[in-house]
């Protein structure tokens, strides 16, 4: 999803930057509290999506001496910083201005601001276009899962963040339009102010949701029980494995899983029977027994290593997302 995710983020940054500018222009001429709330909302989204893009690029760096398993977790760090930004910049500033307006305004509105309405209509079109791009990218990765299930199980919150942010943005624009129209109908700015407060709480919800999603991934979330059972069943189906004593997984980046297992090998399936027959003949022919047994033990170690490597290759082929395997043999 990395390539598609980058495309979605670039679209979101471009769209939100333009929207931020025209919303501030609309607020400057209309002095609408909900318009200011939307302008701050779009400004926060723009900066946050820049952070998402930085995190996505860092997460794509290869493993090195300093980061032996790569930097997949970087996207989770920056997404978490983005969530904090949404809360303090988006919710904090918007809520403060809405409350300030609530206790200081006379709740009278001036003539209808066609500029403000035009700005919101243009914003809606752009936000909806970006939202459709994010939905399309998510649909490519859902694999038949519902949106709720995908949100719970996804290991790539970057596109999810864009999806949530632009979903809230589209809803915010609609609410702002409703606030302005109701204000004109009833001749009171209270509707506009209330809408700005509702938008601030939407931003708080967005920040908390993003924080929870990325917090779990940053700590080291496991795969679902169903997915771990699928991996265990596959491993136990391999000829060289007798059974899996324990298995755990850890998400270390988008599309990167660390698998830890404790297994028992199936001894009869990894020994070289023909070599054992030859060893018996050597002993019957009078060769030094300790020497023959030493060579047989050395051969067994090599065979065990070969079958472990073969097993890892088979696991990688079946589950490409498993990037690292920690194995303990009993």
Foldseek 3Di string as FASTA:
>chain_A
DLVLLLVLLVLLLVLLVVLLVLLVVLCVVFVFLLSVLLSLLSVLSNVLSVLLNVQSVQQPDDADPVRNHGSQLSNLVSLLVSLVSLQCRNLVVLQVSLVVCVVPPPFAGDPQRPSNLVSLVVSLVSLVVSLVSLVVVVVVVCVPPDPVVCLVAFQDCSSVLSNLSSVLSNVSSVQQNVLSVVCVVVRTSNSSSVSSNVSSVSSNVSSVSSNVSSVCLSVWHWGDPVVQVVLQVVLCVDQQFVHWPDKTWTRPHGLAIEIETETETDVVRQADVVLVVVLVVCVVVPDDNVVSVVVSVVVSVVSVVVVVVVSVVVSCVVRVSHPHYHYHYD
